Amino acid sequence: GKVQLDDLIAGYLPDDVQLPTYQGERAAITIRHLATHTAG
């Protein structure tokens, strides 16, 4: 119960960490994306 596959990774990182962008917008990357090589 510590994580879920479809949790956004932003919720586990410090607030001041800038996340990658896609087409100029901050991307919504999930734990599942990282685990399946689908984060881009």
PDB file of all heavy atoms in Angstrom:
ATOM      1  N   GLY A   1       0.779  -1.226   0.000  1.00  0.00           N
ATOM      2  CA  GLY A   1       0.000   0.000   0.000  1.00  0.00           C
ATOM      3  C   GLY A   1       0.812   1.278   0.000  1.00  0.00           C
ATOM      4  O   GLY A   1       0.264   2.365   0.198  1.00  0.00           O
ATOM      5  N   LYS A   2       2.121   1.174  -0.278  1.00  0.00           N
ATOM      6  CA  LYS A   2       2.973   2.365  -0.263  1.00  0.00           C
ATOM      7  C   LYS A   2       2.898   3.163  -1.559  1.00  0.00           C
ATOM      8  O   LYS A   2       3.142   4.378  -1.575  1.00  0.00           O
ATOM      9  CB  LYS A   2       4.422   1.973   0.030  1.00  0.00           C
ATOM     10  CG  LYS A   2       4.642   1.454   1.445  1.00  0.00           C
ATOM     11  CD  LYS A   2       6.118   1.204   1.711  1.00  0.00           C
ATOM     12  CE  LYS A   2       6.392   0.898   3.178  1.00  0.00           C
ATOM     13  NZ  LYS A   2       5.843  -0.384   3.609  1.00  0.00           N
ATOM     14  N   VAL A   3       2.605   2.493  -2.678  1.00  0.00           N
ATOM     15  CA  VAL A   3       2.473   3.153  -3.984  1.00  0.00           C
ATOM     16  C   VAL A   3       1.395   2.431  -4.778  1.00  0.00           C
ATOM     17  O   VAL A   3       0.966   1.326  -4.416  1.00  0.00           O
ATOM     18  CB  VAL A   3       3.800   3.135  -4.791  1.00  0.00           C
ATOM     19  CG1 VAL A   3       4.874   3.949  -4.117  1.00  0.00           C
ATOM     20  CG2 VAL A   3       4.273   1.706  -5.026  1.00  0.00           C
ATOM     21  N   GLN A   4       0.977   3.046  -5.879  1.00  0.00           N
ATOM     22  CA  GLN A   4       0.090   2.419  -6.843  1.00  0.00           C
ATOM     23  C   GLN A   4       0.663   2.631  -8.243  1.00  0.00           C
ATOM     24  O   GLN A   4       1.349   3.645  -8.494  1.00  0.00           O
ATOM     25  CB  GLN A   4      -1.334   2.992  -6.769  1.00  0.00           C
ATOM     26  CG  GLN A   4      -2.038   2.728  -5.444  1.00  0.00           C
ATOM     27  CD  GLN A   4      -2.238   1.248  -5.174  1.00  0.00           C
ATOM     28  OE1 GLN A   4      -2.535   0.471  -6.088  1.00  0.00           O
ATOM     29  NE2 GLN A   4      -2.045   0.838  -3.919  1.00  0.00           N
ATOM     30  N   LEU A   5       0.382   1.703  -9.144  1.00  0.00           N
ATOM     31  CA  LEU A   5       0.962   1.778 -10.483  1.00  0.00           C
ATOM     32  C   LEU A   5       0.621   3.072 -11.200  1.00  0.00           C
ATOM     33  O   LEU A   5       1.448   3.607 -11.947  1.00  0.00           O
ATOM     34  CB  LEU A   5       0.502   0.579 -11.326  1.00  0.00           C
ATOM     35  CG  LEU A   5       1.326  -0.694 -11.229  1.00  0.00           C
ATOM     36  CD1 LEU A   5       0.661  -1.820 -12.005  1.00  0.00           C
ATOM     37  CD2 LEU A   5       2.753  -0.486 -11.736  1.00  0.00           C
ATOM     38  N   ASP A   6      -0.571   3.570 -11.010  1.00  0.00           N
ATOM     39  CA  ASP A   6      -0.996   4.746 -11.776  1.00  0.00           C
ATOM     40  C   ASP A   6      -0.880   6.045 -10.989  1.00  0.00           C
ATOM     41  O   ASP A   6      -1.441   7.071 -11.372  1.00  0.00           O
ATOM     42  CB  ASP A   6      -2.419   4.535 -12.296  1.00  0.00           C
ATOM     43  CG  ASP A   6      -2.482   3.404 -13.316  1.00  0.00           C
ATOM     44  OD1 ASP A   6      -1.612   3.370 -14.206  1.00  0.00           O
ATOM     45  OD2 ASP A   6      -3.363   2.539 -13.210  1.00  0.00           O
ATOM     46  N   ASP A   7      -0.108   6.028  -9.903  1.00  0.00           N
ATOM     47  CA  ASP A   7       0.207   7.268  -9.187  1.00  0.00           C
ATOM     48  C   ASP A   7       1.100   8.142 -10.054  1.00  0.00           C
ATOM     49  O   ASP A   7       2.017   7.650 -10.728  1.00  0.00           O
ATOM     50  CB  ASP A   7       0.952   6.969  -7.888  1.00  0.00           C
ATOM     51  CG  ASP A   7       0.070   6.385  -6.803  1.00  0.00           C
ATOM     52  OD1 ASP A   7      -1.172   6.401  -6.979  1.00  0.00           O
ATOM     53  OD2 ASP A   7       0.616   5.927  -5.786  1.00  0.00           O
ATOM     54  N   LEU A   8       0.874   9.442 -10.017  1.00  0.00           N
ATOM     55  CA  LEU A   8       1.777  10.392 -10.669  1.00  0.00           C
ATOM     56  C   LEU A   8       3.061  10.482  -9.867  1.00  0.00           C
ATOM     57  O   LEU A   8       3.034  10.596  -8.625  1.00  0.00           O
ATOM     58  CB  LEU A   8       1.122  11.763 -10.779  1.00  0.00           C
ATOM     59  CG  LEU A   8      -0.076  11.872 -11.721  1.00  0.00           C
ATOM     60  CD1 LEU A   8      -0.759  13.223 -11.569  1.00  0.00           C
ATOM     61  CD2 LEU A   8       0.369  11.669 -13.164  1.00  0.00           C
ATOM     62  N   ILE A   9       4.192  10.470 -10.535  1.00  0.00           N
ATOM     63  CA  ILE A   9       5.467  10.520  -9.823  1.00  0.00           C
ATOM     64  C   ILE A   9       5.683  11.869  -9.148  1.00  0.00           C
ATOM     65  O   ILE A   9       6.442  11.959  -8.175  1.00  0.00           O
ATOM     66  CB  ILE A   9       6.646  10.194 -10.754  1.00  0.00           C
ATOM     67  CG1 ILE A   9       6.803  11.261 -11.842  1.00  0.00           C
ATOM     68  CG2 ILE A   9       6.495   8.804 -11.354  1.00  0.00           C
ATOM     69  CD1 ILE A   9       8.117  11.137 -12.611  1.00  0.00           C
ATOM     70  N   ALA A  10       5.007  12.916  -9.635  1.00  0.00           N
ATOM     71  CA  ALA A  10       5.164  14.245  -9.041  1.00  0.00           C
ATOM     72  C   ALA A  10       4.842  14.229  -7.555  1.00  0.00           C
ATOM     73  O   ALA A  10       5.434  14.981  -6.770  1.00  0.00           O
ATOM     74  CB  ALA A  10       4.274  15.255  -9.759  1.00  0.00           C
ATOM     75  N   GLY A  11       3.921  13.357  -7.149  1.00  0.00           N
ATOM     76  CA  GLY A  11       3.529  13.297  -5.746  1.00  0.00           C
ATOM     77  C   GLY A  11       4.590  12.719  -4.840  1.00  0.00           C
ATOM     78  O   GLY A  11       4.460  12.804  -3.609  1.00  0.00           O
ATOM     79  N   TYR A  12       5.656  12.143  -5.393  1.00  0.00           N
ATOM     80  CA  TYR A  12       6.711  11.519  -4.591  1.00  0.00           C
ATOM     81  C   TYR A  12       8.024  12.301  -4.650  1.00  0.00           C
ATOM     82  O   TYR A  12       9.003  11.891  -4.025  1.00  0.00           O
ATOM     83  CB  TYR A  12       6.949  10.084  -5.062  1.00  0.00           C
ATOM     84  CG  TYR A  12       5.750   9.199  -4.857  1.00  0.00           C
ATOM     85  CD1 TYR A  12       4.826   8.997  -5.884  1.00  0.00           C
ATOM     86  CD2 TYR A  12       5.509   8.583  -3.628  1.00  0.00           C
ATOM     87  CE1 TYR A  12       3.708   8.195  -5.688  1.00  0.00           C
ATOM     88  CE2 TYR A  12       4.397   7.783  -3.424  1.00  0.00           C
ATOM     89  CZ  TYR A  12       3.496   7.595  -4.466  1.00  0.00           C
ATOM     90  OH  TYR A  12       2.380   6.807  -4.269  1.00  0.00           O
ATOM     91  N   LEU A  13       8.045  13.401  -5.380  1.00  0.00           N
ATOM     92  CA  LEU A  13       9.258  14.185  -5.538  1.00  0.00           C
ATOM     93  C   LEU A  13       9.113  15.524  -4.832  1.00  0.00           C
ATOM     94  O   LEU A  13       7.996  16.009  -4.610  1.00  0.00           O
ATOM     95  CB  LEU A  13       9.547  14.402  -7.029  1.00  0.00           C
ATOM     96  CG  LEU A  13       9.771  13.135  -7.862  1.00  0.00           C
ATOM     97  CD1 LEU A  13       9.929  13.488  -9.336  1.00  0.00           C
ATOM     98  CD2 LEU A  13      10.984  12.351  -7.366  1.00  0.00           C
ATOM     99  N   PRO A  14      10.232  16.158  -4.457  1.00  0.00           N
ATOM    100  CA  PRO A  14      10.150  17.489  -3.839  1.00  0.00           C
ATOM    101  C   PRO A  14       9.403  18.483  -4.732  1.00  0.00           C
ATOM    102  O   PRO A  14       9.479  18.396  -5.967  1.00  0.00           O
ATOM    103  CB  PRO A  14      11.622  17.873  -3.681  1.00  0.00           C
ATOM    104  CG  PRO A  14      12.353  16.569  -3.610  1.00  0.00           C
ATOM    105  CD  PRO A  14      11.615  15.643  -4.526  1.00  0.00           C
ATOM    106  N   ASP A  15       8.712  19.409  -4.107  1.00  0.00           N
ATOM    107  CA  ASP A  15       7.878  20.357  -4.860  1.00  0.00           C
ATOM    108  C   ASP A  15       8.690  21.214  -5.827  1.00  0.00           C
ATOM    109  O   ASP A  15       8.160  21.672  -6.843  1.00  0.00           O
ATOM    110  CB  ASP A  15       7.119  21.270  -3.882  1.00  0.00           C
ATOM    111  CG  ASP A  15       6.067  20.521  -3.086  1.00  0.00           C
ATOM    112  OD1 ASP A  15       5.653  19.438  -3.528  1.00  0.00           O
ATOM    113  OD2 ASP A  15       5.670  21.021  -2.003  1.00  0.00           O
ATOM    114  N   ASP A  16       9.966  21.452  -5.504  1.00  0.00           N
ATOM    115  CA  ASP A  16      10.756  22.341  -6.360  1.00  0.00           C
ATOM    116  C   ASP A  16      11.441  21.634  -7.520  1.00  0.00           C
ATOM    117  O   ASP A  16      12.150  22.262  -8.313  1.00  0.00           O
ATOM    118  CB  ASP A  16      11.796  23.093  -5.524  1.00  0.00           C
ATOM    119  CG  ASP A  16      12.773  22.150  -4.817  1.00  0.00           C
ATOM    120  OD1 ASP A  16      12.516  20.928  -4.806  1.00  0.00           O
ATOM    121  OD2 ASP A  16      13.792  22.637  -4.285  1.00  0.00           O
ATOM    122  N   VAL A  17      11.228  20.317  -7.653  1.00  0.00           N
ATOM    123  CA  VAL A  17      11.819  19.585  -8.774  1.00  0.00           C
ATOM    124  C   VAL A  17      10.990  19.812 -10.026  1.00  0.00           C
ATOM    125  O   VAL A  17       9.769  19.597 -10.029  1.00  0.00           O
ATOM    126  CB  VAL A  17      11.908  18.072  -8.466  1.00  0.00           C
ATOM    127  CG1 VAL A  17      12.330  17.293  -9.704  1.00  0.00           C
ATOM    128  CG2 VAL A  17      12.885  17.821  -7.326  1.00  0.00           C
ATOM    129  N   GLN A  18      11.633  20.284 -11.084  1.00  0.00           N
ATOM    130  CA  GLN A  18      10.950  20.498 -12.351  1.00  0.00           C
ATOM    131  C   GLN A  18      10.883  19.181 -13.119  1.00  0.00           C
ATOM    132  O   GLN A  18      11.905  18.530 -13.316  1.00  0.00           O
ATOM    133  CB  GLN A  18      11.679  21.554 -13.184  1.00  0.00           C
ATOM    134  CG  GLN A  18      11.708  22.925 -12.543  1.00  0.00           C
ATOM    135  CD  GLN A  18      12.412  23.946 -13.421  1.00  0.00           C
ATOM    136  OE1 GLN A  18      12.724  23.678 -14.582  1.00  0.00           O
ATOM    137  NE2 GLN A  18      12.655  25.130 -12.872  1.00  0.00           N
ATOM    138  N   LEU A  19       9.692  18.830 -13.563  1.00  0.00           N
ATOM    139  CA  LEU A  19       9.510  17.580 -14.291  1.00  0.00           C
ATOM    140  C   LEU A  19       9.690  17.781 -15.793  1.00  0.00           C
ATOM    141  O   LEU A  19       9.590  18.911 -16.291  1.00  0.00           O
ATOM    142  CB  LEU A  19       8.127  17.008 -14.000  1.00  0.00           C
ATOM    143  CG  LEU A  19       7.923  16.475 -12.587  1.00  0.00           C
ATOM    144  CD1 LEU A  19       6.506  15.954 -12.407  1.00  0.00           C
ATOM    145  CD2 LEU A  19       8.929  15.376 -12.270  1.00  0.00           C
ATOM    146  N   PRO A  20       9.966  16.691 -16.539  1.00  0.00           N
ATOM    147  CA  PRO A  20      10.094  16.803 -17.993  1.00  0.00           C
ATOM    148  C   PRO A  20       8.837  17.381 -18.632  1.00  0.00           C
ATOM    149  O   PRO A  20       7.733  17.293 -18.073  1.00  0.00           O
ATOM    150  CB  PRO A  20      10.317  15.357 -18.427  1.00  0.00           C
ATOM    151  CG  PRO A  20      10.901  14.676 -17.239  1.00  0.00           C
ATOM    152  CD  PRO A  20      10.236  15.320 -16.060  1.00  0.00           C
ATOM    153  N   THR A  21       9.024  17.953 -19.800  1.00  0.00           N
ATOM    154  CA  THR A  21       7.906  18.550 -20.530  1.00  0.00           C
ATOM    155  C   THR A  21       7.633  17.784 -21.816  1.00  0.00           C
ATOM    156  O   THR A  21       8.519  17.144 -22.382  1.00  0.00           O
ATOM    157  CB  THR A  21       8.199  20.020 -20.869  1.00  0.00           C
ATOM    158  OG1 THR A  21       9.388  20.100 -21.676  1.00  0.00           O
ATOM    159  CG2 THR A  21       8.392  20.849 -19.605  1.00  0.00           C
ATOM    160  N   TYR A  22       6.388  17.887 -22.257  1.00  0.00           N
ATOM    161  CA  TYR A  22       6.001  17.362 -23.566  1.00  0.00           C
ATOM    162  C   TYR A  22       5.204  18.447 -24.272  1.00  0.00           C
ATOM    163  O   TYR A  22       4.188  18.928 -23.747  1.00  0.00           O
ATOM    164  CB  TYR A  22       5.168  16.091 -23.439  1.00  0.00           C
ATOM    165  CG  TYR A  22       4.701  15.557 -24.782  1.00  0.00           C
ATOM    166  CD1 TYR A  22       5.612  15.005 -25.670  1.00  0.00           C
ATOM    167  CD2 TYR A  22       3.359  15.652 -25.161  1.00  0.00           C
ATOM    168  CE1 TYR A  22       5.199  14.540 -26.909  1.00  0.00           C
ATOM    169  CE2 TYR A  22       2.948  15.178 -26.393  1.00  0.00           C
ATOM    170  CZ  TYR A  22       3.873  14.628 -27.271  1.00  0.00           C
ATOM    171  OH  TYR A  22       3.454  14.183 -28.498  1.00  0.00           O
ATOM    172  N   GLN A  23       5.692  18.875 -25.427  1.00  0.00           N
ATOM    173  CA  GLN A  23       5.086  19.960 -26.195  1.00  0.00           C
ATOM    174  C   GLN A  23       4.878  21.193 -25.332  1.00  0.00           C
ATOM    175  O   GLN A  23       3.842  21.859 -25.364  1.00  0.00           O
ATOM    176  CB  GLN A  23       3.759  19.499 -26.815  1.00  0.00           C
ATOM    177  CG  GLN A  23       3.939  18.395 -27.846  1.00  0.00           C
ATOM    178  CD  GLN A  23       2.652  17.994 -28.528  1.00  0.00           C
ATOM    179  OE1 GLN A  23       1.551  18.359 -28.092  1.00  0.00           O
ATOM    180  NE2 GLN A  23       2.765  17.244 -29.620  1.00  0.00           N
ATOM    181  N   GLY A  24       5.895  21.498 -24.518  1.00  0.00           N
ATOM    182  CA  GLY A  24       5.893  22.716 -23.725  1.00  0.00           C
ATOM    183  C   GLY A  24       5.163  22.644 -22.404  1.00  0.00           C
ATOM    184  O   GLY A  24       5.223  23.587 -21.617  1.00  0.00           O
ATOM    185  N   GLU A  25       4.487  21.541 -22.126  1.00  0.00           N
ATOM    186  CA  GLU A  25       3.732  21.397 -20.876  1.00  0.00           C
ATOM    187  C   GLU A  25       4.365  20.337 -19.992  1.00  0.00           C
ATOM    188  O   GLU A  25       4.930  19.359 -20.483  1.00  0.00           O
ATOM    189  CB  GLU A  25       2.276  21.006 -21.178  1.00  0.00           C
ATOM    190  CG  GLU A  25       1.515  22.000 -22.047  1.00  0.00           C
ATOM    191  CD  GLU A  25       1.265  23.320 -21.332  1.00  0.00           C
ATOM    192  OE1 GLU A  25       1.170  23.285 -20.071  1.00  0.00           O
ATOM    193  OE2 GLU A  25       1.176  24.359 -22.007  1.00  0.00           O
ATOM    194  N   ARG A  26       4.247  20.536 -18.679  1.00  0.00           N
ATOM    195  CA  ARG A  26       4.764  19.534 -17.752  1.00  0.00           C
ATOM    196  C   ARG A  26       4.009  18.231 -17.954  1.00  0.00           C
ATOM    197  O   ARG A  26       2.776  18.211 -17.949  1.00  0.00           O
ATOM    198  CB  ARG A  26       4.611  20.020 -16.306  1.00  0.00           C
ATOM    199  CG  ARG A  26       5.363  19.139 -15.321  1.00  0.00           C
ATOM    200  CD  ARG A  26       5.358  19.710 -13.927  1.00  0.00           C
ATOM    201  NE  ARG A  26       4.144  19.344 -13.204  1.00  0.00           N
ATOM    202  CZ  ARG A  26       4.047  19.353 -11.880  1.00  0.00           C
ATOM    203  NH1 ARG A  26       5.076  19.743 -11.150  1.00  0.00           N
ATOM    204  NH2 ARG A  26       2.919  19.021 -11.293  1.00  0.00           N
ATOM    205  N   ALA A  27       4.746  17.146 -18.120  1.00  0.00           N
ATOM    206  CA  ALA A  27       4.137  15.859 -18.458  1.00  0.00           C
ATOM    207  C   ALA A  27       3.594  15.153 -17.218  1.00  0.00           C
ATOM    208  O   ALA A  27       4.146  15.265 -16.126  1.00  0.00           O
ATOM    209  CB  ALA A  27       5.157  14.968 -19.146  1.00  0.00           C
ATOM    210  N   ALA A  28       2.493  14.433 -17.420  1.00  0.00           N
ATOM    211  CA  ALA A  28       1.891  13.629 -16.359  1.00  0.00           C
ATOM    212  C   ALA A  28       2.441  12.209 -16.460  1.00  0.00           C
ATOM    213  O   ALA A  28       1.890  11.347 -17.151  1.00  0.00           O
ATOM    214  CB  ALA A  28       0.375  13.636 -16.484  1.00  0.00           C
ATOM    215  N   ILE A  29       3.556  11.961 -15.769  1.00  0.00           N
ATOM    216  CA  ILE A  29       4.228  10.665 -15.801  1.00  0.00           C
ATOM    217  C   ILE A  29       3.816   9.854 -14.581  1.00  0.00           C
ATOM    218  O   ILE A  29       3.825  10.359 -13.453  1.00  0.00           O
ATOM    219  CB  ILE A  29       5.756  10.842 -15.814  1.00  0.00           C
ATOM    220  CG1 ILE A  29       6.200  11.633 -17.049  1.00  0.00           C
ATOM    221  CG2 ILE A  29       6.456   9.493 -15.778  1.00  0.00           C
ATOM    222  CD1 ILE A  29       7.675  11.981 -17.049  1.00  0.00           C
ATOM    223  N   THR A  30       3.450   8.594 -14.809  1.00  0.00           N
ATOM    224  CA  THR A  30       3.049   7.721 -13.710  1.00  0.00           C
ATOM    225  C   THR A  30       4.128   6.677 -13.425  1.00  0.00           C
ATOM    226  O   THR A  30       5.048   6.473 -14.226  1.00  0.00           O
ATOM    227  CB  THR A  30       1.733   6.992 -14.025  1.00  0.00           C
ATOM    228  OG1 THR A  30       1.972   6.065 -15.109  1.00  0.00           O
ATOM    229  CG2 THR A  30       0.628   7.964 -14.414  1.00  0.00           C
ATOM    230  N   ILE A  31       3.974   6.004 -12.303  1.00  0.00           N
ATOM    231  CA  ILE A  31       4.868   4.903 -11.967  1.00  0.00           C
ATOM    232  C   ILE A  31       4.786   3.805 -13.035  1.00  0.00           C
ATOM    233  O   ILE A  31       5.805   3.225 -13.428  1.00  0.00           O
ATOM    234  CB  ILE A  31       4.529   4.350 -10.573  1.00  0.00           C
ATOM    235  CG1 ILE A  31       4.963   5.369  -9.512  1.00  0.00           C
ATOM    236  CG2 ILE A  31       5.176   3.004 -10.329  1.00  0.00           C
ATOM    237  CD1 ILE A  31       4.564   5.026  -8.097  1.00  0.00           C
ATOM    238  N   ARG A  32       3.593   3.524 -13.537  1.00  0.00           N
ATOM    239  CA  ARG A  32       3.445   2.523 -14.599  1.00  0.00           C
ATOM    240  C   ARG A  32       4.244   2.906 -15.844  1.00  0.00           C
ATOM    241  O   ARG A  32       4.870   2.047 -16.478  1.00  0.00           O
ATOM    242  CB  ARG A  32       1.971   2.349 -14.966  1.00  0.00           C
ATOM    243  CG  ARG A  32       1.717   1.198 -15.942  1.00  0.00           C
ATOM    244  CD  ARG A  32       0.292   1.208 -16.463  1.00  0.00           C
ATOM    245  NE  ARG A  32      -0.692   1.071 -15.420  1.00  0.00           N
ATOM    246  CZ  ARG A  32      -1.181  -0.084 -14.975  1.00  0.00           C
ATOM    247  NH1 ARG A  32      -0.753  -1.222 -15.491  1.00  0.00           N
ATOM    248  NH2 ARG A  32      -2.096  -0.108 -14.020  1.00  0.00           N
ATOM    249  N   HIS A  33       4.235   4.183 -16.202  1.00  0.00           N
ATOM    250  CA  HIS A  33       5.004   4.627 -17.364  1.00  0.00           C
ATOM    251  C   HIS A  33       6.484   4.308 -17.189  1.00  0.00           C
ATOM    252  O   HIS A  33       7.154   3.833 -18.122  1.00  0.00           O
ATOM    253  CB  HIS A  33       4.831   6.131 -17.574  1.00  0.00           C
ATOM    254  CG  HIS A  33       3.451   6.532 -17.988  1.00  0.00           C
ATOM    255  ND1 HIS A  33       2.892   7.744 -17.638  1.00  0.00           N
ATOM    256  CD2 HIS A  33       2.506   5.879 -18.712  1.00  0.00           C
ATOM    257  CE1 HIS A  33       1.669   7.826 -18.137  1.00  0.00           C
ATOM    258  NE2 HIS A  33       1.416   6.709 -18.791  1.00  0.00           N
ATOM    259  N   LEU A  34       7.018   4.580 -16.010  1.00  0.00           N
ATOM    260  CA  LEU A  34       8.436   4.301 -15.774  1.00  0.00           C
ATOM    261  C   LEU A  34       8.714   2.803 -15.820  1.00  0.00           C
ATOM    262  O   LEU A  34       9.726   2.369 -16.380  1.00  0.00           O
ATOM    263  CB  LEU A  34       8.858   4.861 -14.412  1.00  0.00           C
ATOM    264  CG  LEU A  34       8.756   6.379 -14.221  1.00  0.00           C
ATOM    265  CD1 LEU A  34       9.212   6.755 -12.819  1.00  0.00           C
ATOM    266  CD2 LEU A  34       9.562   7.138 -15.265  1.00  0.00           C
ATOM    267  N   ALA A  35       7.821   2.006 -15.242  1.00  0.00           N
ATOM    268  CA  ALA A  35       8.038   0.556 -15.147  1.00  0.00           C
ATOM    269  C   ALA A  35       7.880  -0.158 -16.475  1.00  0.00           C
ATOM    270  O   ALA A  35       8.335  -1.297 -16.628  1.00  0.00           O
ATOM    271  CB  ALA A  35       7.086  -0.040 -14.119  1.00  0.00           C
ATOM    272  N   THR A  36       7.242   0.488 -17.455  1.00  0.00           N
ATOM    273  CA  THR A  36       6.993  -0.135 -18.754  1.00  0.00           C
ATOM    274  C   THR A  36       7.706   0.582 -19.908  1.00  0.00           C
ATOM    275  O   THR A  36       7.422   0.316 -21.066  1.00  0.00           O
ATOM    276  CB  THR A  36       5.483  -0.179 -19.058  1.00  0.00           C
ATOM    277  OG1 THR A  36       4.955   1.157 -19.004  1.00  0.00           O
ATOM    278  CG2 THR A  36       4.742  -1.049 -18.048  1.00  0.00           C
ATOM    279  N   HIS A  37       8.616   1.484 -19.581  1.00  0.00           N
ATOM    280  CA  HIS A  37       9.376   2.222 -20.605  1.00  0.00           C
ATOM    281  C   HIS A  37       8.462   3.028 -21.523  1.00  0.00           C
ATOM    282  O   HIS A  37       8.719   3.154 -22.725  1.00  0.00           O
ATOM    283  CB  HIS A  37      10.236   1.263 -21.444  1.00  0.00           C
ATOM    284  CG  HIS A  37      11.256   0.511 -20.645  1.00  0.00           C
ATOM    285  ND1 HIS A  37      12.402   1.078 -20.139  1.00  0.00           N
ATOM    286  CD2 HIS A  37      11.295  -0.791 -20.241  1.00  0.00           C
ATOM    287  CE1 HIS A  37      13.107   0.179 -19.482  1.00  0.00           C
ATOM    288  NE2 HIS A  37      12.458  -0.965 -19.519  1.00  0.00           N
ATOM    289  N   THR A  38       7.385   3.557 -20.978  1.00  0.00           N
ATOM    290  CA  THR A  38       6.437   4.331 -21.800  1.00  0.00           C
ATOM    291  C   THR A  38       6.343   5.787 -21.361  1.00  0.00           C
ATOM    292  O   THR A  38       5.394   6.484 -21.731  1.00  0.00           O
ATOM    293  CB  THR A  38       5.037   3.695 -21.741  1.00  0.00           C
ATOM    294  OG1 THR A  38       4.596   3.602 -20.377  1.00  0.00           O
ATOM    295  CG2 THR A  38       5.025   2.308 -22.358  1.00  0.00           C
ATOM    296  N   ALA A  39       7.314   6.276 -20.604  1.00  0.00           N
ATOM    297  CA  ALA A  39       7.263   7.661 -20.122  1.00  0.00           C
ATOM    298  C   ALA A  39       7.671   8.658 -21.190  1.00  0.00           C
ATOM    299  O   ALA A  39       7.396   9.859 -21.054  1.00  0.00           O
ATOM    300  CB  ALA A  39       8.158   7.825 -18.894  1.00  0.00           C
ATOM    301  N   GLY A  40       8.329   8.202 -22.245  1.00  0.00           N
ATOM    302  CA  GLY A  40       8.827   9.121 -23.268  1.00  0.00           C
ATOM    303  C   GLY A  40      10.214   9.650 -22.974  1.00  0.00           C
ATOM    304  O   GLY A  40      10.717  10.512 -23.695  1.00  0.00           O
TER     305      GLY A  40
END
